[in-house]
Amino acid sequence: MYRLILSVLMLVSTAGAWGQNTPKLYGDWTVLCENDVCRAEQHLAAPSNPRIRYSSEVKFVRESGNPVMKLSFPLGVYLARGIGFKAGDQQRDVPFSVCLPVGCHAVVVLTEELLSAMRDQDSYSIRLYVTSAKPAEINYSLDGFAEALEQIR
C-alpha cells in the first residue's frame, strides 16, 4: 500500500512539472524552464561530422545581473588557446572553465556591450582550436535571440 501511495504521489508531483518543461521555440533558440529557472539554448552539429555537437546556453544567475552564456564543445579541443567570442565589433577571448567527460565548457558574461552588438547582427561566431595552430569557427544564429532572452529574464 505504501508503494502505491508513493507512486501516485510521484506521478502527481511530476505531472505539474511536465508543462513547465515544454520547450518553446523563438527562431533558432529554444527556451526551457525547470524549477522556475529558464534557459535559452541552441545546438549545432559539425557539417563534416554530425556526431560532433556544440551548444550555446544562456541564462540569468543570481550572482550576476547580466545573462551568462555557457558554450559547450566536445572533448579534443586545444585548451591552452581558449575560445574567441565575436559579435559585430565586440570580441572577447575566453578561457575554458572546465572539461568533463561530456565535453569542455567556456562561460561568457553577456555585458550590455555584447548584447548591444548581438542585437545588430544575424549571428555571432566562436573561434576554437583543434590544435595550437588550427582554428575552427562556429556560427550561431541570433534569429529569435532577443525574444528568447526576454522570456528567460
N, C-alpha and C. Protein backbone atom coordinates (compact mmCIF):
# COMPACT_ATOMS: atom_id res chain seq x y z
N MET A 1 0.82 -1.19 0.00
CA MET A 1 0.00 0.00 0.00
C MET A 1 0.87 1.27 0.00
N TYR A 2 1.94 1.24 0.82
CA TYR A 2 2.85 2.38 0.90
C TYR A 2 3.46 2.68 -0.47
N ARG A 3 3.88 1.63 -1.20
CA ARG A 3 4.47 1.82 -2.53
C ARG A 3 3.47 2.43 -3.50
N LEU A 4 2.23 2.00 -3.42
CA LEU A 4 1.19 2.54 -4.31
C LEU A 4 0.98 4.02 -4.04
N ILE A 5 0.90 4.42 -2.77
CA ILE A 5 0.71 5.82 -2.43
C ILE A 5 1.92 6.63 -2.89
N LEU A 6 3.10 6.13 -2.65
CA LEU A 6 4.31 6.82 -3.08
C LEU A 6 4.34 6.97 -4.60
N SER A 7 3.96 5.94 -5.33
CA SER A 7 3.93 6.00 -6.79
C SER A 7 2.93 7.03 -7.28
N VAL A 8 1.76 7.09 -6.67
CA VAL A 8 0.74 8.07 -7.05
C VAL A 8 1.24 9.48 -6.74
N LEU A 9 1.84 9.67 -5.57
CA LEU A 9 2.38 10.99 -5.23
C LEU A 9 3.46 11.43 -6.21
N MET A 10 4.32 10.51 -6.62
CA MET A 10 5.36 10.85 -7.58
C MET A 10 4.76 11.24 -8.91
N LEU A 11 3.73 10.52 -9.37
CA LEU A 11 3.08 10.86 -10.63
C LEU A 11 2.42 12.22 -10.56
N VAL A 12 1.73 12.51 -9.46
CA VAL A 12 1.07 13.79 -9.30
C VAL A 12 2.09 14.92 -9.25
N SER A 13 3.18 14.73 -8.51
CA SER A 13 4.18 15.80 -8.39
C SER A 13 4.91 16.06 -9.70
N THR A 14 5.13 15.04 -10.51
CA THR A 14 5.82 15.26 -11.78
C THR A 14 4.86 15.72 -12.87
N ALA A 15 3.57 15.43 -12.72
CA ALA A 15 2.61 15.83 -13.76
C ALA A 15 2.57 17.34 -13.91
N GLY A 16 2.61 18.08 -12.79
CA GLY A 16 2.60 19.53 -12.87
C GLY A 16 3.86 20.07 -13.51
N ALA A 17 4.97 19.40 -13.35
CA ALA A 17 6.23 19.87 -13.92
C ALA A 17 6.34 19.61 -15.41
N TRP A 18 5.55 18.67 -15.93
CA TRP A 18 5.66 18.37 -17.35
C TRP A 18 5.39 19.59 -18.21
N GLY A 19 4.35 20.35 -17.90
CA GLY A 19 4.06 21.53 -18.69
C GLY A 19 5.16 22.56 -18.60
N GLN A 20 5.83 22.62 -17.45
CA GLN A 20 6.89 23.58 -17.26
C GLN A 20 8.11 23.25 -18.12
N ASN A 21 8.32 22.00 -18.43
CA ASN A 21 9.48 21.58 -19.20
C ASN A 21 9.24 21.60 -20.70
N THR A 22 8.07 22.04 -21.13
CA THR A 22 7.76 22.07 -22.55
C THR A 22 8.61 23.14 -23.23
N PRO A 23 9.41 22.74 -24.20
CA PRO A 23 10.26 23.74 -24.87
C PRO A 23 9.42 24.68 -25.74
N LYS A 24 9.84 25.93 -25.79
CA LYS A 24 9.20 26.92 -26.65
C LYS A 24 10.25 27.44 -27.61
N LEU A 25 9.89 27.52 -28.87
CA LEU A 25 10.83 27.95 -29.90
C LEU A 25 10.67 29.44 -30.21
N TYR A 26 11.80 30.11 -30.31
CA TYR A 26 11.87 31.51 -30.73
C TYR A 26 12.94 31.56 -31.80
N GLY A 27 12.54 31.52 -33.06
CA GLY A 27 13.51 31.47 -34.15
C GLY A 27 14.36 30.22 -34.01
N ASP A 28 15.67 30.40 -33.94
CA ASP A 28 16.60 29.28 -33.81
C ASP A 28 16.94 28.94 -32.36
N TRP A 29 16.25 29.57 -31.40
CA TRP A 29 16.52 29.36 -29.98
C TRP A 29 15.36 28.63 -29.32
N THR A 30 15.69 27.76 -28.39
CA THR A 30 14.70 27.02 -27.62
C THR A 30 14.78 27.50 -26.18
N VAL A 31 13.62 27.77 -25.59
CA VAL A 31 13.56 28.15 -24.17
C VAL A 31 12.97 26.99 -23.39
N LEU A 32 13.68 26.60 -22.34
CA LEU A 32 13.25 25.54 -21.43
C LEU A 32 13.26 26.07 -20.02
N CYS A 33 12.26 25.70 -19.23
CA CYS A 33 12.20 26.09 -17.83
C CYS A 33 12.08 24.85 -16.96
N GLU A 34 12.89 24.81 -15.93
CA GLU A 34 12.84 23.73 -14.94
C GLU A 34 12.99 24.35 -13.56
N ASN A 35 12.06 24.03 -12.68
CA ASN A 35 12.10 24.55 -11.30
C ASN A 35 12.25 26.06 -11.27
N ASP A 36 11.47 26.74 -12.09
CA ASP A 36 11.45 28.20 -12.17
C ASP A 36 12.76 28.83 -12.62
N VAL A 37 13.65 28.05 -13.22
CA VAL A 37 14.87 28.57 -13.83
C VAL A 37 14.77 28.29 -15.32
N CYS A 38 14.84 29.35 -16.10
CA CYS A 38 14.70 29.21 -17.55
C CYS A 38 16.03 29.46 -18.24
N ARG A 39 16.20 28.81 -19.38
CA ARG A 39 17.40 29.00 -20.18
C ARG A 39 17.00 29.00 -21.66
N ALA A 40 17.80 29.69 -22.46
CA ALA A 40 17.65 29.68 -23.91
C ALA A 40 18.85 28.94 -24.46
N GLU A 41 18.61 28.07 -25.43
CA GLU A 41 19.72 27.28 -25.94
C GLU A 41 19.60 27.05 -27.43
N GLN A 42 20.76 26.77 -28.02
CA GLN A 42 20.85 26.44 -29.44
C GLN A 42 21.94 25.38 -29.58
N HIS A 43 21.62 24.34 -30.33
CA HIS A 43 22.57 23.25 -30.53
C HIS A 43 22.93 23.17 -32.01
N LEU A 44 24.21 22.91 -32.28
CA LEU A 44 24.69 22.78 -33.65
C LEU A 44 25.46 21.48 -33.81
N ALA A 45 25.49 20.97 -35.02
CA ALA A 45 26.30 19.80 -35.35
C ALA A 45 27.34 20.23 -36.37
N ALA A 46 28.52 19.66 -36.29
CA ALA A 46 29.58 19.97 -37.26
C ALA A 46 29.16 19.45 -38.62
N PRO A 47 29.27 20.25 -39.67
CA PRO A 47 28.86 19.80 -41.00
C PRO A 47 29.64 18.56 -41.47
N SER A 48 30.90 18.48 -41.09
CA SER A 48 31.72 17.35 -41.54
C SER A 48 31.42 16.07 -40.78
N ASN A 49 30.89 16.19 -39.55
CA ASN A 49 30.58 15.02 -38.74
C ASN A 49 29.44 15.38 -37.78
N PRO A 50 28.20 15.03 -38.12
CA PRO A 50 27.05 15.42 -37.29
C PRO A 50 27.09 14.88 -35.86
N ARG A 51 27.96 13.92 -35.57
CA ARG A 51 28.06 13.43 -34.20
C ARG A 51 28.82 14.41 -33.31
N ILE A 52 29.56 15.34 -33.91
CA ILE A 52 30.25 16.37 -33.14
C ILE A 52 29.25 17.50 -32.91
N ARG A 53 28.93 17.75 -31.64
CA ARG A 53 27.89 18.71 -31.27
C ARG A 53 28.47 19.87 -30.47
N TYR A 54 27.90 21.04 -30.70
CA TYR A 54 28.25 22.25 -29.97
C TYR A 54 26.95 22.82 -29.41
N SER A 55 27.03 23.50 -28.29
CA SER A 55 25.82 24.13 -27.78
C SER A 55 26.13 25.47 -27.12
N SER A 56 25.13 26.31 -27.14
CA SER A 56 25.18 27.62 -26.53
C SER A 56 23.95 27.73 -25.64
N GLU A 57 24.15 28.01 -24.36
CA GLU A 57 23.05 28.09 -23.39
C GLU A 57 23.16 29.40 -22.64
N VAL A 58 22.06 30.14 -22.58
CA VAL A 58 22.04 31.44 -21.92
C VAL A 58 21.03 31.40 -20.78
N LYS A 59 21.44 31.90 -19.62
CA LYS A 59 20.51 32.04 -18.50
C LYS A 59 20.99 33.14 -17.58
N PHE A 60 20.10 33.55 -16.70
CA PHE A 60 20.44 34.54 -15.69
C PHE A 60 20.80 33.79 -14.41
N VAL A 61 21.83 34.24 -13.74
CA VAL A 61 22.24 33.64 -12.47
C VAL A 61 22.18 34.72 -11.40
N ARG A 62 21.97 34.30 -10.19
CA ARG A 62 21.80 35.25 -9.08
C ARG A 62 23.01 36.14 -8.88
N GLU A 63 24.19 35.62 -9.11
CA GLU A 63 25.41 36.36 -8.82
C GLU A 63 25.69 37.47 -9.84
N SER A 64 24.97 37.48 -10.94
CA SER A 64 25.24 38.45 -11.99
C SER A 64 23.93 39.05 -12.49
N GLY A 65 23.92 40.34 -12.70
CA GLY A 65 22.74 40.96 -13.29
C GLY A 65 22.67 40.73 -14.79
N ASN A 66 23.80 40.35 -15.37
CA ASN A 66 23.86 40.10 -16.81
C ASN A 66 23.58 38.63 -17.09
N PRO A 67 23.03 38.34 -18.27
CA PRO A 67 22.90 36.93 -18.63
C PRO A 67 24.28 36.31 -18.84
N VAL A 68 24.35 35.01 -18.63
CA VAL A 68 25.61 34.27 -18.76
C VAL A 68 25.42 33.22 -19.84
N MET A 69 26.38 33.11 -20.74
CA MET A 69 26.33 32.12 -21.82
C MET A 69 27.35 31.03 -21.54
N LYS A 70 26.86 29.80 -21.50
CA LYS A 70 27.76 28.65 -21.36
C LYS A 70 27.87 28.00 -22.74
N LEU A 71 29.09 27.93 -23.24
CA LEU A 71 29.36 27.31 -24.53
C LEU A 71 29.98 25.94 -24.28
N SER A 72 29.46 24.93 -24.95
CA SER A 72 29.93 23.56 -24.75
C SER A 72 30.52 23.01 -26.04
N PHE A 73 31.64 22.29 -25.87
CA PHE A 73 32.38 21.74 -27.00
C PHE A 73 32.74 20.30 -26.71
N PRO A 74 32.94 19.50 -27.75
CA PRO A 74 33.36 18.11 -27.50
C PRO A 74 34.78 18.06 -26.97
N LEU A 75 35.12 16.96 -26.33
CA LEU A 75 36.49 16.76 -25.89
C LEU A 75 37.41 16.75 -27.11
N GLY A 76 38.66 17.14 -26.92
CA GLY A 76 39.61 17.13 -28.02
C GLY A 76 39.96 18.52 -28.51
N VAL A 77 39.35 19.56 -27.93
CA VAL A 77 39.72 20.92 -28.32
C VAL A 77 41.05 21.27 -27.65
N TYR A 78 41.77 22.19 -28.25
CA TYR A 78 43.04 22.63 -27.71
C TYR A 78 42.76 23.66 -26.62
N LEU A 79 42.98 23.31 -25.38
CA LEU A 79 42.55 24.11 -24.24
C LEU A 79 43.35 25.39 -24.04
N ALA A 80 44.64 25.36 -24.32
CA ALA A 80 45.52 26.48 -24.00
C ALA A 80 45.11 27.78 -24.69
N ARG A 81 44.51 27.69 -25.86
CA ARG A 81 44.13 28.91 -26.61
C ARG A 81 42.78 29.45 -26.19
N GLY A 82 41.97 28.66 -25.49
CA GLY A 82 40.63 29.12 -25.13
C GLY A 82 39.77 29.29 -26.38
N ILE A 83 38.78 30.16 -26.27
CA ILE A 83 37.92 30.44 -27.42
C ILE A 83 37.90 31.94 -27.68
N GLY A 84 37.44 32.29 -28.85
CA GLY A 84 37.20 33.69 -29.17
C GLY A 84 35.71 33.86 -29.42
N PHE A 85 35.10 34.87 -28.82
CA PHE A 85 33.69 35.18 -28.99
C PHE A 85 33.62 36.48 -29.76
N LYS A 86 32.82 36.51 -30.86
CA LYS A 86 32.74 37.73 -31.66
C LYS A 86 31.30 37.98 -32.09
N ALA A 87 30.82 39.18 -31.77
CA ALA A 87 29.52 39.65 -32.23
C ALA A 87 29.71 41.07 -32.72
N GLY A 88 29.56 41.27 -34.02
CA GLY A 88 29.79 42.59 -34.59
C GLY A 88 31.21 43.04 -34.34
N ASP A 89 31.37 44.22 -33.76
CA ASP A 89 32.71 44.74 -33.47
C ASP A 89 33.20 44.36 -32.06
N GLN A 90 32.41 43.62 -31.33
CA GLN A 90 32.78 43.19 -29.98
C GLN A 90 33.45 41.82 -30.02
N GLN A 91 34.63 41.73 -29.43
CA GLN A 91 35.36 40.46 -29.37
C GLN A 91 35.84 40.21 -27.96
N ARG A 92 35.83 38.95 -27.57
CA ARG A 92 36.34 38.56 -26.25
C ARG A 92 37.13 37.26 -26.39
N ASP A 93 38.26 37.18 -25.73
CA ASP A 93 38.98 35.91 -25.58
C ASP A 93 38.55 35.33 -24.24
N VAL A 94 38.16 34.07 -24.26
CA VAL A 94 37.59 33.44 -23.08
C VAL A 94 38.29 32.11 -22.83
N PRO A 95 38.75 31.87 -21.61
CA PRO A 95 39.37 30.57 -21.31
C PRO A 95 38.30 29.49 -21.12
N PHE A 96 38.69 28.26 -21.27
CA PHE A 96 37.79 27.17 -20.91
C PHE A 96 37.68 27.14 -19.39
N SER A 97 36.48 26.93 -18.89
CA SER A 97 36.30 26.92 -17.45
C SER A 97 36.41 25.52 -16.86
N VAL A 98 36.01 24.50 -17.62
CA VAL A 98 36.06 23.13 -17.10
C VAL A 98 35.90 22.15 -18.26
N CYS A 99 36.51 20.98 -18.11
CA CYS A 99 36.27 19.88 -19.03
C CYS A 99 35.77 18.70 -18.20
N LEU A 100 34.70 18.10 -18.65
CA LEU A 100 34.08 16.96 -18.01
C LEU A 100 34.01 15.83 -19.02
N PRO A 101 33.64 14.63 -18.62
CA PRO A 101 33.54 13.54 -19.60
C PRO A 101 32.61 13.83 -20.78
N VAL A 102 31.65 14.74 -20.60
CA VAL A 102 30.73 15.07 -21.69
C VAL A 102 31.24 16.18 -22.60
N GLY A 103 32.31 16.88 -22.20
CA GLY A 103 32.85 17.93 -23.04
C GLY A 103 33.44 19.07 -22.23
N CYS A 104 33.89 20.10 -22.94
CA CYS A 104 34.53 21.26 -22.32
C CYS A 104 33.59 22.46 -22.41
N HIS A 105 33.70 23.34 -21.41
CA HIS A 105 32.80 24.49 -21.33
C HIS A 105 33.59 25.78 -21.16
N ALA A 106 33.05 26.83 -21.73
CA ALA A 106 33.56 28.18 -21.54
C ALA A 106 32.36 29.05 -21.20
N VAL A 107 32.57 30.06 -20.37
CA VAL A 107 31.47 30.91 -19.91
C VAL A 107 31.76 32.36 -20.33
N VAL A 108 30.76 32.98 -20.94
CA VAL A 108 30.87 34.37 -21.37
C VAL A 108 29.77 35.16 -20.66
N VAL A 109 30.15 36.19 -19.93
CA VAL A 109 29.16 37.09 -19.34
C VAL A 109 28.73 38.04 -20.45
N LEU A 110 27.45 38.08 -20.71
CA LEU A 110 26.94 38.93 -21.79
C LEU A 110 26.70 40.33 -21.25
N THR A 111 27.73 41.14 -21.34
CA THR A 111 27.66 42.53 -20.89
C THR A 111 26.72 43.30 -21.81
N GLU A 112 26.37 44.50 -21.40
CA GLU A 112 25.50 45.33 -22.22
C GLU A 112 26.13 45.62 -23.58
N GLU A 113 27.47 45.76 -23.63
CA GLU A 113 28.16 46.00 -24.91
C GLU A 113 28.00 44.80 -25.84
N LEU A 114 28.15 43.59 -25.29
CA LEU A 114 27.98 42.39 -26.12
C LEU A 114 26.53 42.23 -26.57
N LEU A 115 25.59 42.44 -25.66
CA LEU A 115 24.18 42.32 -26.02
C LEU A 115 23.79 43.33 -27.08
N SER A 116 24.30 44.54 -26.97
CA SER A 116 24.03 45.57 -27.97
C SER A 116 24.56 45.16 -29.34
N ALA A 117 25.78 44.64 -29.36
CA ALA A 117 26.36 44.17 -30.63
C ALA A 117 25.56 43.00 -31.18
N MET A 118 25.08 42.12 -30.32
CA MET A 118 24.31 40.96 -30.78
C MET A 118 22.97 41.38 -31.36
N ARG A 119 22.38 42.45 -30.85
CA ARG A 119 21.08 42.92 -31.36
C ARG A 119 21.17 43.36 -32.82
N ASP A 120 22.36 43.82 -33.22
CA ASP A 120 22.54 44.34 -34.57
C ASP A 120 23.06 43.30 -35.56
N GLN A 121 23.17 42.05 -35.16
CA GLN A 121 23.77 41.02 -36.00
C GLN A 121 22.78 39.88 -36.27
N ASP A 122 23.09 39.12 -37.32
CA ASP A 122 22.32 37.91 -37.63
C ASP A 122 22.91 36.68 -36.94
N SER A 123 24.19 36.80 -36.53
CA SER A 123 24.87 35.66 -35.91
C SER A 123 26.03 36.15 -35.06
N TYR A 124 26.55 35.26 -34.25
CA TYR A 124 27.80 35.50 -33.55
C TYR A 124 28.69 34.30 -33.80
N SER A 125 29.99 34.50 -33.69
CA SER A 125 30.90 33.41 -34.01
C SER A 125 31.78 33.06 -32.82
N ILE A 126 32.15 31.80 -32.79
CA ILE A 126 33.04 31.27 -31.78
C ILE A 126 34.25 30.69 -32.51
N ARG A 127 35.44 31.12 -32.12
CA ARG A 127 36.67 30.56 -32.67
C ARG A 127 37.26 29.63 -31.62
N LEU A 128 37.57 28.43 -32.05
CA LEU A 128 38.24 27.49 -31.15
C LEU A 128 39.34 26.81 -31.93
N TYR A 129 40.21 26.13 -31.21
CA TYR A 129 41.35 25.49 -31.84
C TYR A 129 41.30 23.99 -31.63
N VAL A 130 41.56 23.27 -32.72
CA VAL A 130 41.67 21.82 -32.64
C VAL A 130 43.11 21.46 -32.30
N THR A 131 44.05 22.23 -32.85
CA THR A 131 45.47 22.15 -32.48
C THR A 131 45.92 23.58 -32.17
N SER A 132 47.15 23.76 -31.76
CA SER A 132 47.61 25.10 -31.40
C SER A 132 47.58 26.08 -32.58
N ALA A 133 47.61 25.57 -33.80
CA ALA A 133 47.65 26.44 -34.96
C ALA A 133 46.45 26.28 -35.89
N LYS A 134 45.50 25.42 -35.58
CA LYS A 134 44.39 25.14 -36.49
C LYS A 134 43.06 25.62 -35.91
N PRO A 135 42.67 26.86 -36.25
CA PRO A 135 41.40 27.37 -35.72
C PRO A 135 40.21 26.82 -36.49
N ALA A 136 39.09 26.77 -35.80
CA ALA A 136 37.81 26.44 -36.41
C ALA A 136 36.83 27.52 -35.97
N GLU A 137 35.84 27.79 -36.79
CA GLU A 137 34.85 28.81 -36.45
C GLU A 137 33.46 28.19 -36.47
N ILE A 138 32.70 28.52 -35.45
CA ILE A 138 31.32 28.05 -35.33
C ILE A 138 30.44 29.30 -35.31
N ASN A 139 29.40 29.31 -36.13
CA ASN A 139 28.49 30.46 -36.17
C ASN A 139 27.13 30.06 -35.64
N TYR A 140 26.66 30.81 -34.65
CA TYR A 140 25.34 30.61 -34.07
C TYR A 140 24.41 31.69 -34.59
N SER A 141 23.20 31.29 -34.93
CA SER A 141 22.18 32.23 -35.39
C SER A 141 21.64 33.05 -34.22
N LEU A 142 21.33 34.28 -34.49
CA LEU A 142 20.69 35.14 -33.50
C LEU A 142 19.21 35.34 -33.81
N ASP A 143 18.68 34.59 -34.77
CA ASP A 143 17.26 34.65 -35.09
C ASP A 143 16.45 34.18 -33.88
N GLY A 144 15.66 35.08 -33.31
CA GLY A 144 14.85 34.76 -32.15
C GLY A 144 15.53 34.97 -30.82
N PHE A 145 16.80 35.36 -30.83
CA PHE A 145 17.55 35.50 -29.58
C PHE A 145 16.95 36.57 -28.67
N ALA A 146 16.60 37.72 -29.20
CA ALA A 146 16.05 38.80 -28.36
C ALA A 146 14.77 38.35 -27.67
N GLU A 147 13.90 37.64 -28.40
CA GLU A 147 12.64 37.16 -27.80
C GLU A 147 12.92 36.09 -26.75
N ALA A 148 13.85 35.19 -27.04
CA ALA A 148 14.20 34.14 -26.09
C ALA A 148 14.80 34.75 -24.82
N LEU A 149 15.66 35.74 -24.98
CA LEU A 149 16.28 36.40 -23.83
C LEU A 149 15.21 37.08 -22.97
N GLU A 150 14.26 37.70 -23.60
CA GLU A 150 13.17 38.34 -22.85
C GLU A 150 12.35 37.31 -22.07
N GLN A 151 12.16 36.13 -22.63
CA GLN A 151 11.40 35.09 -21.96
C GLN A 151 12.12 34.54 -20.73
N ILE A 152 13.43 34.50 -20.75
CA ILE A 152 14.16 33.94 -19.60
C ILE A 152 14.49 34.99 -18.56
N ARG A 153 14.29 36.24 -18.89
CA ARG A 153 14.63 37.35 -17.97
C ARG A 153 13.83 37.27 -16.69
